[in-house]
Amino acid sequence: MEQRLRRKAQITPVLARGRCASAGGMQLHSMPSDSGPRLGVIAGRHAWPRAVDRNRFRRLVREAFRLLQHRLQRRDYIVRARNPQRGEPSGAEIGKLLAAWCKTNGE
């Protein structure tokens, strides 16, 4: 089972019709899904100009998702970096994201 949202056709409905929660310069969009929990990550150049930082953000988000996926509902999740703190993505930002995931799941 594919756990990532990769195509525009998969991502657009979640951004348009899904619920949204904000956490520390990031937005978490989610929408009910027929399959298990799936993740998409959007990290543009405006958030982090350096590719190294964008890739680190993606890795941190995917790892947080991997650790939490057994507790998550059957939803599609999109994490979008909006106005993060300058510098490298940090564990504190990901901690805020984890709190937003729990909030979306009603925990």
N, C-alpha and C. Protein backbone atom coordinates (compact mmCIF):
# COMPACT_ATOMS: atom_id res chain seq x y z
N MET A 1 0.84 -1.18 0.00
CA MET A 1 0.00 0.00 0.00
C MET A 1 0.89 1.25 0.00
N GLU A 2 0.61 2.16 -0.91
CA GLU A 2 1.37 3.40 -1.02
C GLU A 2 1.01 4.33 0.14
N GLN A 3 2.02 4.85 0.82
CA GLN A 3 1.78 5.72 1.98
C GLN A 3 2.07 7.18 1.68
N ARG A 4 2.41 7.49 0.44
CA ARG A 4 2.73 8.88 0.10
C ARG A 4 1.76 9.41 -0.94
N LEU A 5 1.49 10.69 -0.83
CA LEU A 5 0.73 11.41 -1.84
C LEU A 5 1.75 12.12 -2.71
N ARG A 6 1.80 11.79 -3.99
CA ARG A 6 2.83 12.33 -4.86
C ARG A 6 2.29 13.18 -6.00
N ARG A 7 1.14 12.81 -6.52
CA ARG A 7 0.62 13.48 -7.71
C ARG A 7 -0.28 14.65 -7.35
N LYS A 8 -0.34 15.61 -8.26
CA LYS A 8 -1.19 16.78 -8.06
C LYS A 8 -2.65 16.37 -7.88
N ALA A 9 -3.09 15.35 -8.61
CA ALA A 9 -4.47 14.88 -8.50
C ALA A 9 -4.77 14.31 -7.12
N GLN A 10 -3.76 13.84 -6.41
CA GLN A 10 -3.95 13.33 -5.05
C GLN A 10 -3.89 14.46 -4.02
N ILE A 11 -3.09 15.47 -4.29
CA ILE A 11 -2.84 16.53 -3.32
C ILE A 11 -3.90 17.63 -3.36
N THR A 12 -4.32 18.03 -4.55
CA THR A 12 -5.25 19.15 -4.70
C THR A 12 -6.55 19.00 -3.91
N PRO A 13 -7.23 17.84 -3.94
CA PRO A 13 -8.47 17.72 -3.16
C PRO A 13 -8.26 17.90 -1.66
N VAL A 14 -7.14 17.43 -1.15
CA VAL A 14 -6.86 17.56 0.28
C VAL A 14 -6.67 19.03 0.65
N LEU A 15 -5.96 19.77 -0.19
CA LEU A 15 -5.75 21.19 0.08
C LEU A 15 -7.05 21.99 -0.07
N ALA A 16 -7.90 21.59 -1.01
CA ALA A 16 -9.12 22.34 -1.28
C ALA A 16 -10.23 22.05 -0.28
N ARG A 17 -10.42 20.78 0.08
CA ARG A 17 -11.58 20.40 0.89
C ARG A 17 -11.24 19.87 2.27
N GLY A 18 -9.97 19.68 2.56
CA GLY A 18 -9.59 19.08 3.84
C GLY A 18 -9.59 20.06 4.99
N ARG A 19 -9.57 19.51 6.20
CA ARG A 19 -9.44 20.33 7.41
C ARG A 19 -8.01 20.82 7.51
N CYS A 20 -7.85 21.96 8.18
CA CYS A 20 -6.52 22.56 8.27
C CYS A 20 -6.20 22.93 9.71
N ALA A 21 -4.99 22.62 10.14
CA ALA A 21 -4.49 23.04 11.45
C ALA A 21 -3.11 23.65 11.23
N SER A 22 -2.81 24.72 11.94
CA SER A 22 -1.51 25.37 11.81
C SER A 22 -0.65 25.06 13.02
N ALA A 23 0.64 24.94 12.78
CA ALA A 23 1.57 24.65 13.87
C ALA A 23 2.95 25.19 13.51
N GLY A 24 3.37 26.23 14.18
CA GLY A 24 4.74 26.73 14.06
C GLY A 24 5.24 26.94 12.65
N GLY A 25 4.54 27.71 11.84
CA GLY A 25 4.99 27.98 10.48
C GLY A 25 4.67 26.87 9.50
N MET A 26 3.90 25.89 9.93
CA MET A 26 3.49 24.80 9.05
C MET A 26 1.98 24.68 9.07
N GLN A 27 1.45 24.15 8.00
CA GLN A 27 0.02 23.85 7.93
C GLN A 27 -0.13 22.35 7.73
N LEU A 28 -1.11 21.79 8.41
CA LEU A 28 -1.44 20.37 8.26
C LEU A 28 -2.86 20.30 7.71
N HIS A 29 -3.00 19.79 6.50
CA HIS A 29 -4.30 19.59 5.88
C HIS A 29 -4.60 18.10 5.96
N SER A 30 -5.86 17.76 6.24
CA SER A 30 -6.21 16.34 6.27
C SER A 30 -7.63 16.16 5.76
N MET A 31 -7.86 14.99 5.18
CA MET A 31 -9.16 14.66 4.61
C MET A 31 -9.35 13.15 4.73
N PRO A 32 -10.57 12.67 5.02
CA PRO A 32 -10.79 11.23 5.11
C PRO A 32 -10.37 10.50 3.84
N SER A 33 -9.90 9.28 4.03
CA SER A 33 -9.37 8.49 2.92
C SER A 33 -9.94 7.08 2.97
N ASP A 34 -10.00 6.42 1.83
CA ASP A 34 -10.45 5.03 1.79
C ASP A 34 -9.35 4.07 2.24
N SER A 35 -8.12 4.42 1.94
CA SER A 35 -6.99 3.58 2.35
C SER A 35 -6.48 4.05 3.70
N GLY A 36 -5.36 3.52 4.13
CA GLY A 36 -4.79 3.91 5.41
C GLY A 36 -4.25 5.33 5.36
N PRO A 37 -3.59 5.78 6.42
CA PRO A 37 -3.04 7.14 6.43
C PRO A 37 -1.96 7.30 5.36
N ARG A 38 -2.04 8.41 4.61
CA ARG A 38 -1.05 8.71 3.58
C ARG A 38 -0.55 10.13 3.78
N LEU A 39 0.68 10.39 3.36
CA LEU A 39 1.34 11.67 3.63
C LEU A 39 1.86 12.31 2.36
N GLY A 40 1.71 13.62 2.28
CA GLY A 40 2.34 14.43 1.25
C GLY A 40 3.04 15.60 1.94
N VAL A 41 4.20 15.99 1.44
CA VAL A 41 4.96 17.09 2.06
C VAL A 41 5.24 18.14 0.99
N ILE A 42 4.93 19.40 1.31
CA ILE A 42 5.20 20.51 0.40
C ILE A 42 6.18 21.44 1.11
N ALA A 43 7.37 21.56 0.55
CA ALA A 43 8.39 22.46 1.12
C ALA A 43 9.02 23.23 -0.02
N GLY A 44 8.53 24.43 -0.26
CA GLY A 44 9.01 25.24 -1.37
C GLY A 44 10.24 26.06 -1.02
N ARG A 45 10.77 26.71 -2.03
CA ARG A 45 11.97 27.52 -1.85
C ARG A 45 11.74 28.75 -0.98
N HIS A 46 10.50 29.24 -0.96
CA HIS A 46 10.25 30.42 -0.13
C HIS A 46 10.41 30.10 1.35
N ALA A 47 10.15 28.86 1.72
CA ALA A 47 10.29 28.46 3.12
C ALA A 47 11.76 28.30 3.50
N TRP A 48 12.47 27.51 2.73
CA TRP A 48 13.90 27.30 2.94
C TRP A 48 14.59 27.40 1.60
N PRO A 49 15.39 28.41 1.38
CA PRO A 49 16.05 28.57 0.08
C PRO A 49 17.04 27.45 -0.24
N ARG A 50 17.63 26.86 0.78
CA ARG A 50 18.64 25.82 0.53
C ARG A 50 17.97 24.45 0.43
N ALA A 51 18.35 23.69 -0.59
CA ALA A 51 17.79 22.36 -0.80
C ALA A 51 18.07 21.44 0.39
N VAL A 52 19.21 21.62 1.02
CA VAL A 52 19.57 20.81 2.18
C VAL A 52 18.52 20.94 3.27
N ASP A 53 18.06 22.16 3.52
CA ASP A 53 17.07 22.40 4.56
C ASP A 53 15.70 21.85 4.17
N ARG A 54 15.33 22.00 2.90
CA ARG A 54 14.05 21.44 2.44
C ARG A 54 14.04 19.92 2.58
N ASN A 55 15.13 19.30 2.20
CA ASN A 55 15.21 17.84 2.30
C ASN A 55 15.21 17.38 3.75
N ARG A 56 15.87 18.12 4.62
CA ARG A 56 15.86 17.78 6.06
C ARG A 56 14.44 17.88 6.61
N PHE A 57 13.72 18.93 6.23
CA PHE A 57 12.33 19.08 6.65
C PHE A 57 11.50 17.88 6.20
N ARG A 58 11.64 17.49 4.95
CA ARG A 58 10.88 16.34 4.44
C ARG A 58 11.22 15.07 5.21
N ARG A 59 12.50 14.85 5.48
CA ARG A 59 12.90 13.66 6.24
C ARG A 59 12.32 13.66 7.64
N LEU A 60 12.37 14.81 8.32
CA LEU A 60 11.83 14.90 9.68
C LEU A 60 10.32 14.65 9.69
N VAL A 61 9.61 15.21 8.73
CA VAL A 61 8.16 15.01 8.67
C VAL A 61 7.83 13.55 8.38
N ARG A 62 8.54 12.95 7.43
CA ARG A 62 8.27 11.53 7.11
C ARG A 62 8.57 10.63 8.31
N GLU A 63 9.61 10.94 9.06
CA GLU A 63 9.94 10.14 10.25
C GLU A 63 8.87 10.29 11.32
N ALA A 64 8.40 11.52 11.53
CA ALA A 64 7.32 11.73 12.51
C ALA A 64 6.07 10.97 12.09
N PHE A 65 5.76 10.99 10.81
CA PHE A 65 4.60 10.26 10.29
C PHE A 65 4.78 8.76 10.50
N ARG A 66 5.97 8.27 10.23
CA ARG A 66 6.24 6.83 10.38
C ARG A 66 6.02 6.40 11.83
N LEU A 67 6.47 7.21 12.77
CA LEU A 67 6.33 6.87 14.18
C LEU A 67 4.88 6.95 14.66
N LEU A 68 4.08 7.80 14.04
CA LEU A 68 2.71 8.02 14.48
C LEU A 68 1.65 7.28 13.68
N GLN A 69 2.01 6.70 12.55
CA GLN A 69 0.99 6.22 11.62
C GLN A 69 0.08 5.15 12.22
N HIS A 70 0.53 4.38 13.18
CA HIS A 70 -0.34 3.37 13.78
C HIS A 70 -1.44 4.01 14.63
N ARG A 71 -1.26 5.28 15.03
CA ARG A 71 -2.28 5.99 15.83
C ARG A 71 -3.17 6.89 14.98
N LEU A 72 -2.80 7.09 13.73
CA LEU A 72 -3.54 8.02 12.88
C LEU A 72 -4.75 7.36 12.24
N GLN A 73 -5.78 8.17 12.02
CA GLN A 73 -6.98 7.69 11.35
C GLN A 73 -6.71 7.51 9.87
N ARG A 74 -7.68 6.90 9.19
CA ARG A 74 -7.57 6.70 7.75
C ARG A 74 -7.85 8.03 7.05
N ARG A 75 -6.79 8.81 6.91
CA ARG A 75 -6.90 10.13 6.30
C ARG A 75 -5.69 10.37 5.40
N ASP A 76 -5.86 11.30 4.48
CA ASP A 76 -4.74 11.81 3.70
C ASP A 76 -4.25 13.07 4.38
N TYR A 77 -2.94 13.17 4.60
CA TYR A 77 -2.35 14.32 5.28
C TYR A 77 -1.39 15.03 4.34
N ILE A 78 -1.46 16.36 4.33
CA ILE A 78 -0.51 17.18 3.60
C ILE A 78 0.12 18.13 4.61
N VAL A 79 1.44 18.14 4.68
CA VAL A 79 2.17 19.08 5.53
C VAL A 79 2.81 20.10 4.60
N ARG A 80 2.48 21.37 4.84
CA ARG A 80 2.99 22.44 4.00
C ARG A 80 3.79 23.42 4.85
N ALA A 81 5.03 23.67 4.47
CA ALA A 81 5.85 24.67 5.16
C ALA A 81 5.42 26.04 4.68
N ARG A 82 5.00 26.90 5.61
CA ARG A 82 4.54 28.24 5.25
C ARG A 82 5.58 29.29 5.62
N ASN A 83 5.67 29.65 6.85
CA ASN A 83 6.61 30.66 7.32
C ASN A 83 7.41 30.10 8.48
N PRO A 84 8.25 29.11 8.21
CA PRO A 84 9.02 28.52 9.30
C PRO A 84 10.07 29.50 9.81
N GLN A 85 10.58 29.19 10.99
CA GLN A 85 11.66 30.01 11.52
C GLN A 85 12.86 29.83 10.60
N ARG A 86 13.58 30.91 10.39
CA ARG A 86 14.74 30.83 9.50
C ARG A 86 15.80 29.90 10.09
N GLY A 87 16.60 29.36 9.22
CA GLY A 87 17.60 28.40 9.64
C GLY A 87 17.12 26.99 9.33
N GLU A 88 17.75 26.05 9.93
CA GLU A 88 17.40 24.65 9.67
C GLU A 88 16.08 24.29 10.32
N PRO A 89 15.34 23.36 9.72
CA PRO A 89 14.14 22.84 10.38
C PRO A 89 14.55 22.16 11.68
N SER A 90 13.75 22.33 12.71
CA SER A 90 14.16 21.81 14.02
C SER A 90 13.18 20.78 14.55
N GLY A 91 13.63 20.08 15.55
CA GLY A 91 12.78 19.11 16.23
C GLY A 91 11.61 19.78 16.93
N ALA A 92 11.79 21.03 17.37
CA ALA A 92 10.70 21.74 18.04
C ALA A 92 9.55 21.99 17.07
N GLU A 93 9.88 22.34 15.82
CA GLU A 93 8.84 22.54 14.82
C GLU A 93 8.10 21.24 14.55
N ILE A 94 8.82 20.14 14.51
CA ILE A 94 8.18 18.85 14.26
C ILE A 94 7.33 18.47 15.47
N GLY A 95 7.76 18.83 16.68
CA GLY A 95 6.94 18.58 17.87
C GLY A 95 5.60 19.30 17.78
N LYS A 96 5.61 20.54 17.28
CA LYS A 96 4.36 21.27 17.09
C LYS A 96 3.49 20.58 16.05
N LEU A 97 4.15 20.02 15.04
CA LEU A 97 3.41 19.29 14.01
C LEU A 97 2.75 18.05 14.59
N LEU A 98 3.46 17.34 15.46
CA LEU A 98 2.89 16.15 16.09
C LEU A 98 1.65 16.52 16.91
N ALA A 99 1.71 17.65 17.61
CA ALA A 99 0.55 18.11 18.37
C ALA A 99 -0.62 18.41 17.45
N ALA A 100 -0.33 18.97 16.28
CA ALA A 100 -1.40 19.26 15.31
C ALA A 100 -2.00 17.96 14.78
N TRP A 101 -1.17 16.93 14.57
CA TRP A 101 -1.69 15.64 14.12
C TRP A 101 -2.65 15.07 15.15
N CYS A 102 -2.25 15.14 16.41
CA CYS A 102 -3.13 14.62 17.48
C CYS A 102 -4.42 15.42 17.54
N LYS A 103 -4.33 16.74 17.34
CA LYS A 103 -5.51 17.59 17.36
C LYS A 103 -6.46 17.22 16.20
N THR A 104 -5.91 16.93 15.04
CA THR A 104 -6.73 16.55 13.89
C THR A 104 -7.42 15.22 14.12
N ASN A 105 -6.79 14.35 14.88
CA ASN A 105 -7.36 13.04 15.16
C ASN A 105 -8.28 13.05 16.36
N GLY A 106 -8.44 14.18 17.00
CA GLY A 106 -9.35 14.28 18.14
C GLY A 106 -8.77 13.75 19.43
N GLU A 107 -7.47 13.68 19.56
CA GLU A 107 -6.84 13.18 20.79
C GLU A 107 -6.53 14.32 21.73
